[in-house]
């Protein structure tokens, strides 16, 4: 069963290849994504990795949380599902 991992604290220079190379030692990776700003294309400093096996993700969390990559200390934990509450400030307003 696959498991998704959040990786925060990425250096601006860390790309998806660098992130994948740092984590592929733990097991098969299904997906690796560094999140970027849609306007500038610059890294937002975090990404997600989906491992094929939950045990590989758990090992990556244990060994890489607090580790250094490209001069930055990483925060690595299990990814949580994103919740969207309300309209996020962009919805219709009822001025009644």
N, C-alpha and C. Protein backbone atom coordinates (compact mmCIF):
# COMPACT_ATOMS: atom_id res chain seq x y z
N UNK A 1 0.84 -1.19 0.00
CA UNK A 1 0.00 0.00 0.00
C UNK A 1 0.88 1.24 0.00
N UNK A 2 0.61 2.17 -0.88
CA UNK A 2 1.44 3.36 -0.99
C UNK A 2 1.18 4.33 0.16
N UNK A 3 2.16 5.19 0.38
CA UNK A 3 2.07 6.18 1.45
C UNK A 3 2.77 7.45 0.99
N UNK A 4 2.14 8.59 1.26
CA UNK A 4 2.66 9.89 0.84
C UNK A 4 3.36 10.59 2.00
N UNK A 5 4.50 11.21 1.69
CA UNK A 5 5.34 11.88 2.68
C UNK A 5 5.48 13.35 2.31
N UNK A 6 5.39 14.21 3.31
CA UNK A 6 5.64 15.65 3.14
C UNK A 6 7.10 15.92 3.45
N UNK A 7 7.75 16.73 2.62
CA UNK A 7 9.14 17.13 2.85
C UNK A 7 9.19 18.65 2.82
N UNK A 8 9.48 19.26 3.96
CA UNK A 8 9.57 20.71 4.07
C UNK A 8 11.00 21.17 4.32
N UNK A 9 11.23 22.44 4.14
CA UNK A 9 12.55 23.02 4.38
C UNK A 9 13.50 22.85 3.22
N UNK A 10 12.96 22.62 2.02
CA UNK A 10 13.82 22.42 0.85
C UNK A 10 14.52 23.71 0.45
N UNK A 11 15.75 23.55 0.00
CA UNK A 11 16.49 24.69 -0.56
C UNK A 11 15.83 25.08 -1.88
N UNK A 12 15.95 26.35 -2.24
CA UNK A 12 15.35 26.81 -3.49
C UNK A 12 15.91 26.04 -4.68
N UNK A 13 17.16 25.61 -4.57
CA UNK A 13 17.82 24.92 -5.67
C UNK A 13 17.45 23.44 -5.78
N UNK A 14 16.80 22.88 -4.78
CA UNK A 14 16.46 21.46 -4.82
C UNK A 14 15.31 21.23 -5.80
N UNK A 15 15.58 20.41 -6.81
CA UNK A 15 14.54 20.09 -7.79
C UNK A 15 14.03 18.67 -7.55
N UNK A 16 13.11 18.23 -8.40
CA UNK A 16 12.51 16.90 -8.21
C UNK A 16 13.53 15.78 -8.33
N UNK A 17 14.51 15.92 -9.22
CA UNK A 17 15.55 14.90 -9.35
C UNK A 17 16.38 14.80 -8.08
N UNK A 18 16.76 15.94 -7.53
CA UNK A 18 17.54 15.94 -6.30
C UNK A 18 16.78 15.35 -5.13
N UNK A 19 15.49 15.68 -5.05
CA UNK A 19 14.64 15.15 -3.98
C UNK A 19 14.49 13.64 -4.13
N UNK A 20 14.22 13.20 -5.35
CA UNK A 20 14.07 11.76 -5.60
C UNK A 20 15.36 11.01 -5.26
N UNK A 21 16.51 11.56 -5.67
CA UNK A 21 17.79 10.91 -5.40
C UNK A 21 18.07 10.79 -3.90
N UNK A 22 17.63 11.77 -3.14
CA UNK A 22 17.86 11.74 -1.69
C UNK A 22 17.00 10.70 -0.99
N UNK A 23 15.85 10.36 -1.59
CA UNK A 23 14.90 9.47 -0.92
C UNK A 23 14.76 8.09 -1.56
N UNK A 24 15.32 7.87 -2.74
CA UNK A 24 15.11 6.58 -3.39
C UNK A 24 15.82 5.42 -2.69
N UNK A 25 16.72 5.73 -1.78
CA UNK A 25 17.41 4.69 -1.02
C UNK A 25 16.47 3.91 -0.09
N UNK A 26 15.29 4.48 0.18
CA UNK A 26 14.36 3.85 1.12
C UNK A 26 13.37 2.91 0.45
N UNK A 27 13.21 3.02 -0.85
CA UNK A 27 12.30 2.13 -1.56
C UNK A 27 11.78 2.77 -2.83
N UNK A 28 10.90 2.02 -3.50
CA UNK A 28 10.36 2.47 -4.78
C UNK A 28 9.48 3.71 -4.61
N UNK A 29 9.73 4.70 -5.45
CA UNK A 29 8.98 5.96 -5.42
C UNK A 29 8.02 5.98 -6.60
N UNK A 30 6.75 6.17 -6.30
CA UNK A 30 5.72 6.27 -7.35
C UNK A 30 5.65 7.67 -7.93
N UNK A 31 5.80 8.68 -7.05
CA UNK A 31 5.66 10.07 -7.49
C UNK A 31 6.52 10.96 -6.60
N UNK A 32 7.10 11.98 -7.20
CA UNK A 32 7.92 12.94 -6.47
C UNK A 32 7.64 14.32 -7.06
N UNK A 33 7.26 15.26 -6.21
CA UNK A 33 6.87 16.59 -6.71
C UNK A 33 7.38 17.68 -5.76
N UNK A 34 8.13 18.63 -6.30
CA UNK A 34 8.49 19.85 -5.58
C UNK A 34 7.47 20.89 -5.98
N UNK A 35 6.80 21.48 -5.00
CA UNK A 35 5.76 22.44 -5.28
C UNK A 35 6.40 23.77 -5.67
N UNK A 36 5.84 24.39 -6.73
CA UNK A 36 6.38 25.64 -7.24
C UNK A 36 5.31 26.73 -7.26
N UNK A 37 5.77 27.96 -7.22
CA UNK A 37 4.89 29.11 -7.34
C UNK A 37 4.38 29.17 -8.78
N UNK A 38 3.08 29.30 -8.95
CA UNK A 38 2.54 29.26 -10.31
C UNK A 38 2.93 30.48 -11.14
N UNK A 39 3.22 31.61 -10.50
CA UNK A 39 3.59 32.81 -11.25
C UNK A 39 5.06 32.84 -11.62
N UNK A 40 5.94 32.47 -10.66
CA UNK A 40 7.37 32.59 -10.90
C UNK A 40 8.04 31.28 -11.27
N UNK A 41 7.41 30.16 -10.95
CA UNK A 41 8.01 28.85 -11.19
C UNK A 41 9.05 28.47 -10.17
N UNK A 42 9.28 29.34 -9.20
CA UNK A 42 10.27 29.10 -8.15
C UNK A 42 9.73 28.13 -7.11
N UNK A 43 10.61 27.31 -6.55
CA UNK A 43 10.22 26.35 -5.53
C UNK A 43 9.56 27.06 -4.34
N UNK A 44 8.55 26.43 -3.79
CA UNK A 44 7.89 26.97 -2.59
C UNK A 44 8.54 26.42 -1.31
N UNK A 45 9.57 25.58 -1.46
CA UNK A 45 10.32 25.09 -0.30
C UNK A 45 9.77 23.81 0.31
N UNK A 46 8.84 23.16 -0.38
CA UNK A 46 8.35 21.88 0.12
C UNK A 46 7.92 21.01 -1.05
N UNK A 47 7.76 19.72 -0.75
CA UNK A 47 7.36 18.78 -1.78
C UNK A 47 6.73 17.55 -1.17
N UNK A 48 6.36 16.62 -2.04
CA UNK A 48 5.72 15.38 -1.62
C UNK A 48 6.34 14.21 -2.36
N UNK A 49 6.46 13.09 -1.66
CA UNK A 49 6.96 11.86 -2.25
C UNK A 49 5.95 10.76 -1.92
N UNK A 50 5.56 10.00 -2.92
CA UNK A 50 4.69 8.85 -2.69
C UNK A 50 5.52 7.59 -2.87
N UNK A 51 5.63 6.82 -1.79
CA UNK A 51 6.34 5.56 -1.81
C UNK A 51 5.37 4.43 -2.12
N UNK A 52 5.85 3.41 -2.83
CA UNK A 52 5.02 2.25 -3.15
C UNK A 52 4.63 1.47 -1.91
N UNK A 53 5.52 1.43 -0.93
CA UNK A 53 5.29 0.68 0.31
C UNK A 53 5.29 1.62 1.51
N UNK A 54 4.33 1.43 2.40
CA UNK A 54 4.23 2.26 3.60
C UNK A 54 5.47 2.12 4.47
N UNK A 55 6.05 0.93 4.51
CA UNK A 55 7.25 0.72 5.35
C UNK A 55 8.42 1.56 4.86
N UNK A 56 8.54 1.75 3.54
CA UNK A 56 9.60 2.59 2.98
C UNK A 56 9.39 4.05 3.39
N UNK A 57 8.14 4.50 3.36
CA UNK A 57 7.82 5.87 3.77
C UNK A 57 8.15 6.07 5.25
N UNK A 58 7.79 5.09 6.08
CA UNK A 58 8.08 5.19 7.51
C UNK A 58 9.58 5.26 7.78
N UNK A 59 10.35 4.47 7.05
CA UNK A 59 11.80 4.49 7.20
C UNK A 59 12.37 5.84 6.75
N UNK A 60 11.85 6.39 5.66
CA UNK A 60 12.31 7.69 5.17
C UNK A 60 12.01 8.78 6.20
N UNK A 61 10.84 8.73 6.81
CA UNK A 61 10.47 9.71 7.84
C UNK A 61 11.44 9.61 9.01
N UNK A 62 11.68 8.38 9.48
CA UNK A 62 12.57 8.17 10.62
C UNK A 62 13.99 8.67 10.37
N UNK A 63 14.49 8.42 9.16
CA UNK A 63 15.89 8.73 8.89
C UNK A 63 16.14 10.11 8.30
N UNK A 64 15.14 10.70 7.64
CA UNK A 64 15.38 11.97 6.96
C UNK A 64 14.83 13.19 7.70
N UNK A 65 13.94 13.00 8.67
CA UNK A 65 13.46 14.15 9.44
C UNK A 65 14.62 14.70 10.24
N UNK A 66 14.98 15.95 9.99
CA UNK A 66 16.11 16.59 10.66
C UNK A 66 17.42 16.44 9.91
N UNK A 67 17.42 15.67 8.82
CA UNK A 67 18.63 15.50 8.01
C UNK A 67 18.84 16.75 7.15
N UNK A 68 20.03 16.87 6.60
CA UNK A 68 20.36 18.02 5.77
C UNK A 68 20.39 17.63 4.30
N UNK A 69 19.83 18.48 3.45
CA UNK A 69 19.86 18.31 2.00
C UNK A 69 20.10 19.67 1.37
N UNK A 70 21.13 19.76 0.57
CA UNK A 70 21.48 21.01 -0.11
C UNK A 70 21.61 22.18 0.87
N UNK A 71 22.18 21.90 2.05
CA UNK A 71 22.44 22.95 3.02
C UNK A 71 21.26 23.35 3.90
N UNK A 72 20.15 22.65 3.79
CA UNK A 72 18.96 22.97 4.59
C UNK A 72 18.53 21.76 5.40
N UNK A 73 17.99 22.01 6.59
CA UNK A 73 17.49 20.94 7.45
C UNK A 73 16.05 20.62 7.05
N UNK A 74 15.80 19.35 6.79
CA UNK A 74 14.49 18.92 6.32
C UNK A 74 13.52 18.63 7.45
N UNK A 75 12.26 18.86 7.18
CA UNK A 75 11.16 18.39 8.01
C UNK A 75 10.44 17.34 7.18
N UNK A 76 10.38 16.12 7.70
CA UNK A 76 9.77 15.03 6.94
C UNK A 76 8.73 14.35 7.83
N UNK A 77 7.51 14.26 7.34
CA UNK A 77 6.46 13.56 8.08
C UNK A 77 5.40 13.04 7.12
N UNK A 78 4.46 12.29 7.67
CA UNK A 78 3.40 11.75 6.84
C UNK A 78 2.53 12.88 6.33
N UNK A 79 2.26 12.86 5.05
CA UNK A 79 1.43 13.91 4.44
C UNK A 79 -0.01 13.75 4.91
N UNK A 80 -0.64 14.86 5.22
CA UNK A 80 -2.05 14.86 5.60
C UNK A 80 -2.87 15.30 4.41
N UNK A 81 -4.07 14.80 4.32
CA UNK A 81 -4.96 15.23 3.25
C UNK A 81 -5.28 16.71 3.44
N UNK A 82 -5.26 17.43 2.37
CA UNK A 82 -5.55 18.86 2.42
C UNK A 82 -7.04 19.07 2.61
N UNK A 83 -7.38 19.88 3.58
CA UNK A 83 -8.79 20.18 3.80
C UNK A 83 -9.08 21.58 3.32
N UNK A 84 -10.20 21.72 2.70
CA UNK A 84 -10.59 23.04 2.21
C UNK A 84 -11.86 23.43 2.93
N UNK A 85 -11.75 24.45 3.73
CA UNK A 85 -12.91 24.92 4.47
C UNK A 85 -13.46 26.19 3.86
N UNK A 86 -14.74 26.22 3.66
CA UNK A 86 -15.39 27.43 3.16
C UNK A 86 -14.91 27.81 1.79
N UNK A 87 -15.02 29.08 1.49
CA UNK A 87 -14.65 29.59 0.17
C UNK A 87 -13.23 30.11 0.14
N UNK A 88 -12.54 30.07 1.27
CA UNK A 88 -11.15 30.53 1.28
C UNK A 88 -10.99 32.01 1.02
N UNK A 89 -12.02 32.80 1.31
CA UNK A 89 -11.92 34.23 1.12
C UNK A 89 -12.20 34.67 -0.30
N UNK A 90 -12.48 33.73 -1.19
CA UNK A 90 -12.71 34.08 -2.58
C UNK A 90 -14.14 33.82 -3.02
N UNK A 91 -14.93 33.35 -2.12
CA UNK A 91 -16.28 32.97 -2.48
C UNK A 91 -17.25 34.15 -2.54
N UNK A 92 -18.45 33.84 -2.86
CA UNK A 92 -19.50 34.85 -2.95
C UNK A 92 -19.81 35.41 -1.58
N UNK A 93 -19.95 36.68 -1.51
CA UNK A 93 -20.31 37.31 -0.24
C UNK A 93 -21.76 37.77 -0.31
N UNK A 94 -22.45 37.50 0.72
CA UNK A 94 -23.85 37.90 0.79
C UNK A 94 -23.92 39.16 1.64
N UNK A 95 -24.06 40.31 1.00
CA UNK A 95 -24.05 41.59 1.71
C UNK A 95 -25.42 41.92 2.28
N UNK A 96 -26.37 41.01 2.10
CA UNK A 96 -27.69 41.09 2.67
C UNK A 96 -28.33 42.36 2.67
